N, C-alpha and C. Protein backbone atom coordinates (compact mmCIF):
# COMPACT_ATOMS: atom_id res chain seq x y z
N UNK A 1 -3.52 0.94 29.23
CA UNK A 1 -4.74 0.36 29.34
C UNK A 1 -5.85 1.02 28.64
N UNK A 2 -6.42 0.07 27.60
CA UNK A 2 -7.22 0.35 26.88
C UNK A 2 -8.50 -0.36 26.68
N UNK A 3 -9.71 0.15 26.44
CA UNK A 3 -11.02 -0.48 26.37
C UNK A 3 -11.37 -0.98 25.09
N UNK A 4 -11.36 -2.08 24.76
CA UNK A 4 -11.72 -2.71 23.30
C UNK A 4 -13.10 -2.94 23.60
N UNK A 5 -13.88 -2.50 22.19
CA UNK A 5 -15.49 -2.84 22.08
C UNK A 5 -15.49 -3.67 20.86
N UNK A 6 -16.07 -4.95 20.66
CA UNK A 6 -16.16 -5.74 19.62
C UNK A 6 -17.95 -5.82 19.14
N UNK A 7 -17.91 -5.84 17.96
CA UNK A 7 -19.46 -5.56 17.25
C UNK A 7 -19.52 -6.62 16.16
N UNK A 8 -20.71 -7.14 16.22
CA UNK A 8 -21.26 -7.90 14.81
C UNK A 8 -20.45 -9.46 15.09
N UNK A 9 -19.98 -9.89 13.83
CA UNK A 9 -19.19 -11.28 13.77
C UNK A 9 -18.31 -11.07 14.95
N UNK A 10 -17.17 -10.22 14.80
CA UNK A 10 -16.17 -9.80 15.50
C UNK A 10 -16.49 -10.52 16.88
N UNK A 11 -17.68 -9.72 17.57
CA UNK A 11 -17.96 -10.09 18.81
C UNK A 11 -18.63 -11.45 19.11
N UNK A 12 -19.17 -12.26 17.91
CA UNK A 12 -19.80 -13.47 17.99
C UNK A 12 -18.40 -14.48 17.92
N UNK A 13 -17.52 -14.00 17.19
CA UNK A 13 -16.11 -14.87 17.01
C UNK A 13 -15.47 -14.99 18.63
N UNK A 14 -15.25 -13.91 19.02
CA UNK A 14 -14.59 -13.58 20.33
C UNK A 14 -15.45 -14.47 21.68
N UNK A 15 -16.43 -14.05 21.67
CA UNK A 15 -17.43 -14.49 22.50
C UNK A 15 -17.67 -13.52 23.76
N UNK A 16 -17.36 -12.10 23.22
CA UNK A 16 -17.72 -10.70 24.59
C UNK A 16 -17.50 -9.82 23.64
N UNK A 17 -18.30 -8.62 24.43
CA UNK A 17 -18.49 -7.47 23.75
C UNK A 17 -17.19 -6.53 23.87
N UNK A 18 -16.54 -6.90 24.61
CA UNK A 18 -15.58 -6.17 25.15
C UNK A 18 -14.59 -6.36 25.98
N UNK A 19 -13.17 -5.96 26.27
CA UNK A 19 -12.45 -6.00 27.43
C UNK A 19 -11.28 -5.03 27.45
N UNK A 20 -10.70 -4.95 28.49
CA UNK A 20 -9.61 -4.10 28.69
C UNK A 20 -8.68 -4.53 28.63
N UNK A 21 -7.62 -4.07 27.96
CA UNK A 21 -6.20 -4.57 27.76
C UNK A 21 -5.31 -4.22 27.99
N UNK A 22 -4.04 -4.29 28.05
CA UNK A 22 -2.37 -3.60 28.14
C UNK A 22 -1.68 -4.27 27.18
N UNK A 23 -1.68 -3.73 25.86
CA UNK A 23 -1.06 -4.17 24.51
C UNK A 23 0.54 -3.72 24.79
N UNK A 24 1.26 -4.61 24.70
CA UNK A 24 2.77 -4.47 24.78
C UNK A 24 3.16 -3.28 24.30
N UNK A 25 4.24 -2.64 24.35
CA UNK A 25 4.82 -1.42 24.02
C UNK A 25 5.28 -1.60 22.38
N UNK A 26 5.31 -2.62 21.71
CA UNK A 26 5.34 -2.75 20.41
C UNK A 26 4.32 -2.44 19.46
N UNK A 27 2.92 -2.57 19.87
CA UNK A 27 1.73 -2.22 19.59
C UNK A 27 1.61 -0.89 19.58
N UNK A 28 1.69 -0.25 18.42
CA UNK A 28 1.61 1.23 18.11
C UNK A 28 0.42 1.74 17.59
N UNK A 29 -0.08 1.09 16.68
CA UNK A 29 -1.09 1.56 16.00
C UNK A 29 -2.21 0.25 15.81
N UNK A 30 -3.47 0.38 15.23
CA UNK A 30 -4.56 -0.37 15.37
C UNK A 30 -4.18 -1.71 15.01
N UNK A 31 -3.69 -1.70 13.12
CA UNK A 31 -3.17 -3.04 12.71
C UNK A 31 -2.31 -3.64 13.58
N UNK A 32 -1.32 -2.96 14.39
CA UNK A 32 -0.23 -3.78 15.30
C UNK A 32 -1.41 -4.44 16.52
N UNK A 33 -2.47 -3.92 16.86
CA UNK A 33 -3.17 -4.08 17.98
C UNK A 33 -4.16 -5.61 17.28
N UNK A 34 -4.48 -5.16 16.01
CA UNK A 34 -5.49 -6.50 15.74
C UNK A 34 -4.72 -7.73 15.48
N UNK A 35 -2.98 -7.30 14.87
CA UNK A 35 -2.34 -8.52 15.02
C UNK A 35 -2.05 -9.08 16.25
N UNK A 36 -1.84 -8.54 17.13
CA UNK A 36 -1.49 -8.70 18.67
C UNK A 36 -2.77 -9.51 19.05
N UNK A 37 -4.00 -9.42 18.93
CA UNK A 37 -5.11 -9.92 19.18
C UNK A 37 -5.25 -11.09 18.44
N UNK A 38 -5.07 -11.31 17.22
CA UNK A 38 -5.12 -12.68 16.55
C UNK A 38 -4.06 -13.54 17.20
N UNK A 39 -3.13 -13.12 17.57
CA UNK A 39 -2.29 -14.13 18.22
C UNK A 39 -2.30 -14.67 19.46
N UNK A 40 -3.56 -14.18 20.07
CA UNK A 40 -4.07 -14.96 21.24
C UNK A 40 -4.84 -16.19 20.60
N UNK A 41 -4.82 -16.38 19.50
CA UNK A 41 -5.58 -17.89 18.96
C UNK A 41 -7.25 -17.82 19.18
N UNK A 42 -7.95 -19.17 18.79
CA UNK A 42 -9.10 -19.07 19.08
C UNK A 42 -9.81 -18.31 18.44
N UNK A 43 -10.96 -17.73 19.10
CA UNK A 43 -11.98 -16.79 18.43
C UNK A 43 -11.33 -15.54 18.06
N UNK A 44 -10.24 -14.81 18.93
CA UNK A 44 -9.39 -13.82 18.11
C UNK A 44 -8.77 -14.30 17.00
N UNK A 45 -8.28 -15.27 16.60
CA UNK A 45 -7.26 -15.74 15.64
C UNK A 45 -8.53 -15.61 14.16
N UNK A 46 -10.08 -16.01 14.40
CA UNK A 46 -10.92 -16.03 13.31
C UNK A 46 -11.45 -14.67 13.31
N UNK A 47 -11.48 -13.92 14.49
CA UNK A 47 -12.09 -12.64 14.11
C UNK A 47 -11.21 -11.81 13.39
N UNK A 48 -9.84 -11.73 13.61
CA UNK A 48 -8.58 -10.81 13.13
C UNK A 48 -7.90 -11.51 12.16
N UNK A 49 -8.62 -12.44 11.56
CA UNK A 49 -7.60 -13.23 10.24
C UNK A 49 -7.40 -12.20 9.12
N UNK A 50 -8.52 -11.27 8.88
CA UNK A 50 -8.35 -10.87 7.61
C UNK A 50 -8.35 -9.56 8.08
N UNK A 51 -7.75 -8.61 8.71
CA UNK A 51 -7.45 -7.38 8.88
C UNK A 51 -8.25 -6.43 8.10
N UNK A 52 -8.20 -6.91 6.79
CA UNK A 52 -8.74 -5.67 5.73
C UNK A 52 -10.04 -5.62 5.60
N UNK A 53 -10.57 -6.88 6.32
CA UNK A 53 -12.35 -6.71 6.55
C UNK A 53 -12.72 -6.12 7.69
N UNK A 54 -11.73 -5.27 8.55
CA UNK A 54 -12.24 -4.99 9.61
C UNK A 54 -12.53 -3.12 9.47
N UNK A 55 -13.25 -2.58 10.33
CA UNK A 55 -13.09 -1.07 10.48
C UNK A 55 -12.65 -0.75 12.20
N UNK A 56 -12.50 0.56 12.09
CA UNK A 56 -11.94 0.50 13.58
C UNK A 56 -12.29 2.13 14.20
N UNK A 57 -12.51 2.33 15.02
CA UNK A 57 -12.81 3.79 15.62
C UNK A 57 -12.07 3.83 17.29
N UNK A 58 -11.04 4.87 17.12
CA UNK A 58 -10.33 5.16 18.12
C UNK A 58 -11.00 6.49 18.83
N UNK A 59 -11.50 6.20 20.16
CA UNK A 59 -11.84 7.15 20.57
C UNK A 59 -13.22 7.81 20.15
N UNK A 60 -14.09 6.77 19.76
CA UNK A 60 -15.36 7.22 18.98
C UNK A 60 -15.34 7.99 17.36
N UNK A 61 -13.90 7.81 17.07
CA UNK A 61 -13.66 8.59 15.67
C UNK A 61 -13.29 7.50 14.55
N UNK A 62 -13.91 7.29 13.44
CA UNK A 62 -13.63 6.20 12.58
C UNK A 62 -12.03 6.56 12.02
N UNK A 63 -11.51 5.32 12.01
CA UNK A 63 -9.69 5.65 11.96
C UNK A 63 -9.39 4.51 11.49
N UNK A 64 -8.50 4.88 10.13
CA UNK A 64 -7.95 3.60 9.55
C UNK A 64 -6.93 2.78 10.26
N UNK A 65 -6.42 1.22 9.78
CA UNK A 65 -5.50 0.36 10.48
C UNK A 65 -4.41 0.96 10.70
N UNK A 66 -3.89 2.10 10.12
CA UNK A 66 -2.32 2.57 10.52
C UNK A 66 -2.79 3.67 11.46
N UNK A 67 -3.56 3.99 12.28
CA UNK A 67 -4.03 4.94 13.20
C UNK A 67 -3.00 4.75 14.68
N UNK A 68 -2.51 5.65 14.84
CA UNK A 68 -1.94 5.35 16.15
C UNK A 68 -2.78 5.12 17.62
N UNK A 69 -2.42 4.35 18.32
CA UNK A 69 -3.28 3.92 19.56
C UNK A 69 -2.67 4.75 20.86
N UNK A 70 -1.67 5.27 20.65
CA UNK A 70 -1.12 6.17 21.79
C UNK A 70 -2.07 6.94 22.57
N UNK A 71 -2.31 6.93 23.62
CA UNK A 71 -3.23 7.53 24.29
C UNK A 71 -4.98 7.14 24.27
N UNK A 72 -5.18 6.50 23.26
CA UNK A 72 -6.21 5.98 23.20
C UNK A 72 -7.06 5.26 24.65
N UNK A 73 -8.27 5.78 24.78
CA UNK A 73 -9.02 5.05 25.95
C UNK A 73 -9.82 3.95 25.47
N UNK A 74 -10.33 4.21 24.26
CA UNK A 74 -11.14 3.39 23.94
C UNK A 74 -11.32 2.89 22.16
N UNK A 75 -11.23 1.69 21.51
CA UNK A 75 -10.81 1.41 20.71
C UNK A 75 -12.15 0.27 20.25
N UNK A 76 -13.03 0.49 19.10
CA UNK A 76 -14.17 -0.32 18.81
C UNK A 76 -13.41 -0.96 17.34
N UNK A 77 -13.89 -2.16 17.35
CA UNK A 77 -13.59 -2.92 16.57
C UNK A 77 -14.67 -3.66 15.50
N UNK A 78 -14.75 -3.66 14.44
CA UNK A 78 -16.21 -3.86 13.81
C UNK A 78 -16.05 -4.13 12.18
N UNK A 79 -17.09 -4.86 11.66
CA UNK A 79 -17.11 -5.34 10.20
C UNK A 79 -17.53 -4.02 9.43
N UNK A 80 -17.24 -3.79 8.24
CA UNK A 80 -18.05 -2.73 7.89
C UNK A 80 -19.59 -2.51 7.66
N UNK A 81 -20.00 -1.59 7.92
CA UNK A 81 -21.50 -1.04 7.92
C UNK A 81 -22.25 -1.04 6.44
N UNK A 82 -23.28 -1.77 6.26
CA UNK A 82 -23.84 -1.82 5.25
C UNK A 82 -25.11 -0.90 5.61
N UNK A 83 -25.65 -0.10 4.52
CA UNK A 83 -27.26 0.40 4.64
C UNK A 83 -28.02 -0.47 3.99
N UNK A 84 -29.13 -0.18 4.50
CA UNK A 84 -30.42 -1.21 3.94
C UNK A 84 -31.70 -0.37 3.91
C-alpha cells in the first residue's frame, strides 16, 4: 500500500487530495503508477493524460517519472511549480 497525495489541478481533476492504493505488481515506477491511475478513467484520465506535465516526489524527495516505487510509503503528484 502507498499513500498518494495530489496537488493543484491534479487534485481538482480527481476531486480529492489523496488516497491509499495498492498498485498491481507490474507497476514498478512513477510512470507506471501514473499510467495505472489514468486507466481508472474520469478525473484520473484527465489529470494523468499528459505525464510529461507532472512532477513527483517519492517519500518527500523530488523524483523523475522513471523512479522506482518499491518500498515507497508516500508519493506526491503535482504540476511543475513556478515562482512568482
